[in-house]
């Protein structure tokens, strides 16, 4: 097992802010780095250098992996949740909640679509959009 990279509090803040969706320059500014006398171009360059360092780039990768794991949602995980909710609803004799769980499961699996069969006739209505009164 590897040790977490050693970061200053500013570096850690910048890495977290970046993973949360800020640009490198925004993360650099919001983390608390002194940028009062810097041009925007300078801030972008300083942020680029910061995020290119091994410790910070490694930390960003770790934080991104943690976020992926926290937010992992799969068809299987949703199906399991719906099954669990349906079972609880049935135990509590909450039939409408059980039906909702079944409908939710059907929806994520694509079984909520209306299927039409047989001959379908297309009806076309022509509408005069000119605003003129029709002549007979």
N, C-alpha and C. Protein backbone atom coordinates (compact mmCIF):
# COMPACT_ATOMS: atom_id res chain seq x y z
N UNK A 1 0.84 -1.18 0.00
CA UNK A 1 0.00 0.00 0.00
C UNK A 1 0.89 1.24 0.00
N UNK A 2 0.58 2.19 -0.86
CA UNK A 2 1.41 3.38 -0.95
C UNK A 2 0.88 4.45 -0.01
N UNK A 3 1.78 5.29 0.45
CA UNK A 3 1.38 6.40 1.30
C UNK A 3 0.77 7.50 0.46
N UNK A 4 -0.14 8.25 1.09
CA UNK A 4 -0.71 9.39 0.39
C UNK A 4 0.39 10.41 0.14
N UNK A 5 0.32 11.10 -1.00
CA UNK A 5 1.35 12.11 -1.26
C UNK A 5 1.29 13.21 -0.20
N UNK A 6 2.45 13.70 0.17
CA UNK A 6 2.52 14.78 1.15
C UNK A 6 2.21 16.10 0.45
N UNK A 7 1.15 16.75 0.89
CA UNK A 7 0.73 18.01 0.29
C UNK A 7 0.59 19.07 1.35
N UNK A 8 0.78 20.31 0.94
CA UNK A 8 0.46 21.42 1.83
C UNK A 8 -1.06 21.57 1.83
N UNK A 9 -1.58 22.32 2.76
CA UNK A 9 -3.04 22.53 2.80
C UNK A 9 -3.52 23.25 1.54
N UNK A 10 -2.71 24.16 1.00
CA UNK A 10 -3.08 24.85 -0.24
C UNK A 10 -3.15 23.87 -1.41
N UNK A 11 -2.16 22.97 -1.47
CA UNK A 11 -2.15 21.98 -2.55
C UNK A 11 -3.36 21.04 -2.45
N UNK A 12 -3.65 20.59 -1.24
CA UNK A 12 -4.81 19.71 -1.03
C UNK A 12 -6.11 20.42 -1.42
N UNK A 13 -6.24 21.68 -0.99
CA UNK A 13 -7.44 22.46 -1.34
C UNK A 13 -7.56 22.61 -2.86
N UNK A 14 -6.47 22.92 -3.51
CA UNK A 14 -6.49 23.11 -4.96
C UNK A 14 -6.88 21.81 -5.66
N UNK A 15 -6.33 20.70 -5.22
CA UNK A 15 -6.65 19.41 -5.82
C UNK A 15 -8.13 19.09 -5.65
N UNK A 16 -8.66 19.31 -4.46
CA UNK A 16 -10.09 19.05 -4.20
C UNK A 16 -10.98 19.96 -5.04
N UNK A 17 -10.62 21.23 -5.09
CA UNK A 17 -11.42 22.17 -5.88
C UNK A 17 -11.41 21.82 -7.36
N UNK A 18 -10.29 21.35 -7.84
CA UNK A 18 -10.19 20.95 -9.25
C UNK A 18 -11.08 19.74 -9.53
N UNK A 19 -11.04 18.76 -8.64
CA UNK A 19 -11.85 17.55 -8.82
C UNK A 19 -13.34 17.88 -8.72
N UNK A 20 -13.66 18.92 -7.97
CA UNK A 20 -15.07 19.34 -7.84
C UNK A 20 -15.59 20.06 -9.07
N UNK A 21 -14.72 20.31 -10.05
CA UNK A 21 -15.20 20.89 -11.31
C UNK A 21 -14.64 22.25 -11.67
N UNK A 22 -13.78 22.79 -10.85
CA UNK A 22 -13.15 24.07 -11.18
C UNK A 22 -12.02 23.86 -12.17
N UNK A 23 -11.71 24.90 -12.92
CA UNK A 23 -10.52 24.82 -13.78
C UNK A 23 -9.30 24.85 -12.87
N UNK A 24 -8.14 24.56 -13.42
CA UNK A 24 -6.93 24.61 -12.61
C UNK A 24 -6.72 26.01 -12.05
N UNK A 25 -6.93 27.02 -12.88
CA UNK A 25 -6.72 28.40 -12.42
C UNK A 25 -7.73 28.78 -11.34
N UNK A 26 -8.99 28.39 -11.51
CA UNK A 26 -10.00 28.68 -10.49
C UNK A 26 -9.65 27.98 -9.18
N UNK A 27 -9.25 26.72 -9.28
CA UNK A 27 -8.89 25.96 -8.09
C UNK A 27 -7.69 26.61 -7.39
N UNK A 28 -6.73 27.07 -8.16
CA UNK A 28 -5.54 27.72 -7.63
C UNK A 28 -5.95 28.97 -6.84
N UNK A 29 -6.81 29.78 -7.46
CA UNK A 29 -7.26 31.01 -6.79
C UNK A 29 -8.06 30.70 -5.53
N UNK A 30 -9.07 29.83 -5.66
CA UNK A 30 -9.97 29.51 -4.54
C UNK A 30 -9.27 28.80 -3.40
N UNK A 31 -8.19 28.09 -3.71
CA UNK A 31 -7.46 27.36 -2.67
C UNK A 31 -6.78 28.31 -1.70
N UNK A 32 -6.54 29.53 -2.15
CA UNK A 32 -5.93 30.51 -1.26
C UNK A 32 -4.55 30.98 -1.65
N UNK A 33 -4.10 30.59 -2.83
CA UNK A 33 -2.80 31.08 -3.29
C UNK A 33 -2.90 32.59 -3.53
N UNK A 34 -1.81 33.30 -3.24
CA UNK A 34 -1.77 34.75 -3.39
C UNK A 34 -1.64 35.09 -4.88
N UNK A 35 -2.70 35.70 -5.42
CA UNK A 35 -2.70 36.03 -6.85
C UNK A 35 -3.06 37.49 -7.09
N UNK A 36 -3.03 38.29 -6.03
CA UNK A 36 -3.44 39.70 -6.14
C UNK A 36 -2.65 40.47 -7.20
N UNK A 37 -1.37 40.20 -7.31
CA UNK A 37 -0.54 40.95 -8.24
C UNK A 37 -0.27 40.18 -9.53
N UNK A 38 -1.01 39.12 -9.77
CA UNK A 38 -0.79 38.27 -10.95
C UNK A 38 -1.80 38.59 -12.05
N UNK A 39 -1.35 38.48 -13.27
CA UNK A 39 -2.28 38.58 -14.39
C UNK A 39 -2.99 37.23 -14.53
N UNK A 40 -4.07 37.21 -15.29
CA UNK A 40 -4.77 35.94 -15.52
C UNK A 40 -3.83 34.92 -16.14
N UNK A 41 -3.02 35.38 -17.09
CA UNK A 41 -2.08 34.48 -17.75
C UNK A 41 -1.11 33.89 -16.74
N UNK A 42 -0.62 34.70 -15.82
CA UNK A 42 0.30 34.22 -14.79
C UNK A 42 -0.37 33.18 -13.89
N UNK A 43 -1.62 33.43 -13.52
CA UNK A 43 -2.34 32.48 -12.66
C UNK A 43 -2.50 31.14 -13.38
N UNK A 44 -2.83 31.19 -14.66
CA UNK A 44 -2.97 29.97 -15.45
C UNK A 44 -1.66 29.21 -15.49
N UNK A 45 -0.56 29.93 -15.69
CA UNK A 45 0.75 29.28 -15.74
C UNK A 45 1.15 28.70 -14.38
N UNK A 46 0.91 29.45 -13.30
CA UNK A 46 1.23 28.96 -11.96
C UNK A 46 0.40 27.72 -11.62
N UNK A 47 -0.87 27.76 -11.98
CA UNK A 47 -1.75 26.62 -11.72
C UNK A 47 -1.30 25.41 -12.52
N UNK A 48 -0.90 25.63 -13.75
CA UNK A 48 -0.43 24.53 -14.60
C UNK A 48 0.80 23.87 -13.99
N UNK A 49 1.71 24.68 -13.49
CA UNK A 49 2.91 24.15 -12.85
C UNK A 49 2.52 23.37 -11.59
N UNK A 50 1.61 23.91 -10.79
CA UNK A 50 1.18 23.23 -9.57
C UNK A 50 0.59 21.85 -9.90
N UNK A 51 -0.33 21.81 -10.86
CA UNK A 51 -1.02 20.56 -11.17
C UNK A 51 -0.14 19.57 -11.93
N UNK A 52 0.99 20.03 -12.42
CA UNK A 52 1.94 19.13 -13.10
C UNK A 52 2.88 18.45 -12.11
N UNK A 53 2.94 18.94 -10.87
CA UNK A 53 3.82 18.30 -9.89
C UNK A 53 3.28 16.91 -9.56
N UNK A 54 4.18 16.00 -9.28
CA UNK A 54 3.81 14.60 -9.06
C UNK A 54 2.84 14.46 -7.88
N UNK A 55 3.14 15.12 -6.78
CA UNK A 55 2.27 14.96 -5.60
C UNK A 55 0.86 15.45 -5.86
N UNK A 56 0.72 16.60 -6.51
CA UNK A 56 -0.61 17.15 -6.76
C UNK A 56 -1.34 16.33 -7.82
N UNK A 57 -0.67 15.97 -8.90
CA UNK A 57 -1.34 15.19 -9.94
C UNK A 57 -1.74 13.81 -9.42
N UNK A 58 -0.92 13.22 -8.55
CA UNK A 58 -1.25 11.94 -7.94
C UNK A 58 -2.48 12.08 -7.04
N UNK A 59 -2.52 13.16 -6.29
CA UNK A 59 -3.66 13.40 -5.39
C UNK A 59 -4.93 13.61 -6.19
N UNK A 60 -4.84 14.33 -7.30
CA UNK A 60 -6.01 14.54 -8.15
C UNK A 60 -6.54 13.19 -8.64
N UNK A 61 -5.65 12.31 -9.06
CA UNK A 61 -6.06 10.98 -9.52
C UNK A 61 -6.74 10.19 -8.40
N UNK A 62 -6.20 10.29 -7.19
CA UNK A 62 -6.81 9.61 -6.04
C UNK A 62 -8.21 10.15 -5.76
N UNK A 63 -8.34 11.47 -5.76
CA UNK A 63 -9.64 12.08 -5.49
C UNK A 63 -10.66 11.74 -6.57
N UNK A 64 -10.21 11.68 -7.82
CA UNK A 64 -11.11 11.31 -8.91
C UNK A 64 -11.57 9.86 -8.76
N UNK A 65 -10.66 8.98 -8.36
CA UNK A 65 -11.03 7.58 -8.15
C UNK A 65 -12.03 7.45 -7.01
N UNK A 66 -11.82 8.19 -5.93
CA UNK A 66 -12.76 8.18 -4.80
C UNK A 66 -14.13 8.67 -5.25
N UNK A 67 -14.16 9.72 -6.05
CA UNK A 67 -15.44 10.27 -6.53
C UNK A 67 -16.16 9.26 -7.42
N UNK A 68 -15.40 8.59 -8.31
CA UNK A 68 -16.02 7.57 -9.17
C UNK A 68 -16.64 6.47 -8.33
N UNK A 69 -15.92 6.04 -7.31
CA UNK A 69 -16.42 4.96 -6.44
C UNK A 69 -17.66 5.41 -5.67
N UNK A 70 -17.64 6.63 -5.16
CA UNK A 70 -18.78 7.16 -4.40
C UNK A 70 -20.02 7.29 -5.25
N UNK A 71 -19.83 7.63 -6.51
CA UNK A 71 -20.97 7.92 -7.38
C UNK A 71 -21.28 6.79 -8.36
N UNK A 72 -20.71 5.62 -8.12
CA UNK A 72 -20.91 4.51 -9.05
C UNK A 72 -22.36 4.04 -8.99
N UNK A 73 -23.04 4.14 -10.10
CA UNK A 73 -24.41 3.67 -10.22
C UNK A 73 -24.45 2.80 -11.47
N UNK A 74 -24.92 1.60 -11.29
CA UNK A 74 -25.01 0.69 -12.43
C UNK A 74 -26.44 0.20 -12.54
N UNK A 75 -26.74 -0.42 -13.66
CA UNK A 75 -28.05 -1.01 -13.85
C UNK A 75 -28.30 -2.07 -12.77
N UNK A 76 -27.27 -2.84 -12.45
CA UNK A 76 -27.41 -3.85 -11.41
C UNK A 76 -27.69 -3.24 -10.04
N UNK A 77 -26.97 -2.16 -9.71
CA UNK A 77 -27.18 -1.55 -8.39
C UNK A 77 -28.57 -0.94 -8.28
N UNK A 78 -29.05 -0.32 -9.37
CA UNK A 78 -30.40 0.24 -9.35
C UNK A 78 -31.46 -0.85 -9.27
N UNK A 79 -31.25 -1.94 -9.99
CA UNK A 79 -32.19 -3.06 -9.95
C UNK A 79 -32.27 -3.64 -8.54
N UNK A 80 -31.13 -3.79 -7.90
CA UNK A 80 -31.10 -4.30 -6.52
C UNK A 80 -31.86 -3.37 -5.59
N UNK A 81 -31.65 -2.05 -5.75
CA UNK A 81 -32.37 -1.09 -4.90
C UNK A 81 -33.87 -1.19 -5.11
N UNK A 82 -34.31 -1.26 -6.37
CA UNK A 82 -35.74 -1.39 -6.64
C UNK A 82 -36.30 -2.68 -6.04
N UNK A 83 -35.56 -3.79 -6.17
CA UNK A 83 -36.03 -5.06 -5.60
C UNK A 83 -36.16 -4.95 -4.09
N UNK A 84 -35.17 -4.33 -3.44
CA UNK A 84 -35.21 -4.17 -1.99
C UNK A 84 -36.39 -3.30 -1.57
N UNK A 85 -36.60 -2.21 -2.31
CA UNK A 85 -37.71 -1.31 -1.98
C UNK A 85 -39.06 -1.99 -2.18
N UNK A 86 -39.17 -2.79 -3.22
CA UNK A 86 -40.42 -3.51 -3.47
C UNK A 86 -40.71 -4.47 -2.32
N UNK A 87 -39.68 -5.20 -1.87
CA UNK A 87 -39.86 -6.15 -0.76
C UNK A 87 -40.33 -5.44 0.50
N UNK A 88 -39.73 -4.31 0.82
CA UNK A 88 -40.13 -3.55 2.00
C UNK A 88 -41.57 -3.06 1.85
N UNK A 89 -41.92 -2.57 0.66
CA UNK A 89 -43.27 -2.08 0.42
C UNK A 89 -44.30 -3.21 0.57
N UNK A 90 -43.98 -4.38 0.07
CA UNK A 90 -44.89 -5.52 0.20
C UNK A 90 -45.05 -5.91 1.67
N UNK A 91 -43.93 -5.95 2.41
CA UNK A 91 -43.98 -6.28 3.84
C UNK A 91 -44.85 -5.29 4.60
N UNK A 92 -44.80 -4.03 4.21
CA UNK A 92 -45.58 -2.99 4.88
C UNK A 92 -46.98 -2.86 4.30
N UNK A 93 -47.29 -3.75 3.35
CA UNK A 93 -48.58 -3.74 2.66
C UNK A 93 -48.86 -2.39 1.99
N UNK A 94 -47.82 -1.81 1.45
CA UNK A 94 -47.92 -0.55 0.71
C UNK A 94 -47.90 -0.90 -0.78
N UNK A 95 -49.04 -1.31 -1.28
CA UNK A 95 -49.12 -1.82 -2.64
C UNK A 95 -48.73 -0.77 -3.67
N UNK A 96 -49.16 0.48 -3.49
CA UNK A 96 -48.81 1.51 -4.48
C UNK A 96 -47.30 1.74 -4.51
N UNK A 97 -46.65 1.65 -3.35
CA UNK A 97 -45.19 1.80 -3.32
C UNK A 97 -44.52 0.61 -4.00
N UNK A 98 -45.07 -0.58 -3.82
CA UNK A 98 -44.52 -1.76 -4.48
C UNK A 98 -44.68 -1.64 -5.99
N UNK A 99 -45.84 -1.18 -6.42
CA UNK A 99 -46.06 -0.98 -7.85
C UNK A 99 -45.10 0.06 -8.40
N UNK A 100 -44.87 1.13 -7.66
CA UNK A 100 -43.91 2.16 -8.09
C UNK A 100 -42.51 1.58 -8.25
N UNK A 101 -42.12 0.70 -7.33
CA UNK A 101 -40.80 0.07 -7.42
C UNK A 101 -40.72 -0.82 -8.65
N UNK A 102 -41.78 -1.57 -8.92
CA UNK A 102 -41.80 -2.43 -10.11
C UNK A 102 -41.75 -1.57 -11.37
N UNK A 103 -42.52 -0.48 -11.38
CA UNK A 103 -42.50 0.42 -12.54
C UNK A 103 -41.14 1.07 -12.73
N UNK A 104 -40.50 1.43 -11.65
CA UNK A 104 -39.15 2.02 -11.74
C UNK A 104 -38.16 1.03 -12.32
N UNK A 105 -38.25 -0.21 -11.86
CA UNK A 105 -37.36 -1.25 -12.39
C UNK A 105 -37.64 -1.48 -13.87
N UNK A 106 -38.91 -1.51 -14.24
CA UNK A 106 -39.27 -1.70 -15.65
C UNK A 106 -38.71 -0.55 -16.50
N UNK A 107 -38.77 0.64 -15.97
CA UNK A 107 -38.30 1.82 -16.71
C UNK A 107 -36.80 1.75 -16.97
N UNK A 108 -36.01 1.42 -15.95
CA UNK A 108 -34.55 1.39 -16.17
C UNK A 108 -34.13 0.26 -17.10
N UNK A 109 -35.00 -0.74 -17.24
CA UNK A 109 -34.70 -1.85 -18.15
C UNK A 109 -35.34 -1.67 -19.52
N UNK A 110 -36.04 -0.53 -19.70
CA UNK A 110 -36.61 -0.22 -21.01
C UNK A 110 -37.95 -0.85 -21.30
N UNK A 111 -38.63 -1.37 -20.27
CA UNK A 111 -39.92 -2.01 -20.48
C UNK A 111 -41.09 -1.06 -20.25
N UNK A 112 -40.84 0.21 -20.24
CA UNK A 112 -41.91 1.19 -20.03
C UNK A 112 -42.42 1.79 -21.34
N UNK A 113 -41.93 1.28 -22.45
CA UNK A 113 -42.30 1.83 -23.76
C UNK A 113 -43.60 1.22 -24.24
N UNK A 114 -44.44 2.03 -24.85
CA UNK A 114 -45.68 1.54 -25.44
C UNK A 114 -45.34 0.91 -26.78
N UNK A 115 -45.83 -0.28 -26.98
CA UNK A 115 -45.57 -0.99 -28.23
C UNK A 115 -46.87 -0.99 -29.04
N UNK A 116 -46.80 -0.48 -30.25
CA UNK A 116 -47.95 -0.45 -31.13
C UNK A 116 -47.83 -1.59 -32.14
N UNK A 117 -48.94 -2.20 -32.42
CA UNK A 117 -48.91 -3.24 -33.44
C UNK A 117 -50.08 -3.03 -34.39
N UNK A 118 -50.01 -3.64 -35.55
CA UNK A 118 -51.07 -3.51 -36.53
C UNK A 118 -50.79 -2.38 -37.49
N UNK A 119 -51.77 -2.12 -38.31
CA UNK A 119 -51.62 -1.06 -39.30
C UNK A 119 -51.80 0.30 -38.65
N UNK A 120 -50.87 1.17 -38.90
CA UNK A 120 -50.95 2.53 -38.39
C UNK A 120 -51.12 3.44 -39.59
N UNK A 121 -52.19 4.23 -39.56
CA UNK A 121 -52.44 5.15 -40.66
C UNK A 121 -51.99 6.53 -40.23
N UNK A 122 -51.35 7.21 -41.12
CA UNK A 122 -50.89 8.56 -40.84
C UNK A 122 -51.94 9.54 -41.34
N UNK A 123 -52.32 10.44 -40.49
CA UNK A 123 -53.27 11.47 -40.86
C UNK A 123 -52.49 12.77 -40.97
N UNK A 124 -52.61 13.41 -42.12
CA UNK A 124 -51.92 14.65 -42.35
C UNK A 124 -52.95 15.76 -42.46
N UNK A 125 -52.76 16.79 -41.67
CA UNK A 125 -53.65 17.94 -41.73
C UNK A 125 -52.82 19.09 -42.26
N UNK A 126 -53.30 19.70 -43.33
CA UNK A 126 -52.59 20.83 -43.92
C UNK A 126 -53.18 22.10 -43.34
N UNK A 127 -52.31 22.91 -42.80
CA UNK A 127 -52.74 24.14 -42.15
C UNK A 127 -52.16 25.31 -42.92
N UNK A 128 -53.00 26.29 -43.21
CA UNK A 128 -52.56 27.50 -43.90
C UNK A 128 -52.00 28.45 -42.86
N UNK A 129 -50.71 28.71 -42.94
CA UNK A 129 -50.04 29.57 -41.97
C UNK A 129 -49.87 31.00 -42.48
N UNK A 130 -50.48 31.31 -43.62
CA UNK A 130 -50.31 32.65 -44.18
C UNK A 130 -51.20 33.67 -43.50
N UNK A 131 -52.24 33.21 -42.83
CA UNK A 131 -53.14 34.14 -42.16
C UNK A 131 -54.28 34.62 -43.08
N UNK A 132 -54.26 34.21 -44.30
CA UNK A 132 -55.32 34.61 -45.23
C UNK A 132 -56.54 33.74 -45.00
N UNK A 133 -57.70 34.31 -45.23
CA UNK A 133 -58.93 33.55 -45.12
C UNK A 133 -59.02 32.61 -46.30
N UNK A 134 -59.45 31.38 -46.06
CA UNK A 134 -59.53 30.43 -47.16
C UNK A 134 -60.61 30.85 -48.18
N UNK A 135 -60.31 30.60 -49.43
CA UNK A 135 -61.30 30.88 -50.48
C UNK A 135 -61.97 29.59 -50.85
N UNK A 136 -63.25 29.71 -51.18
CA UNK A 136 -63.98 28.49 -51.52
C UNK A 136 -64.19 28.37 -52.99
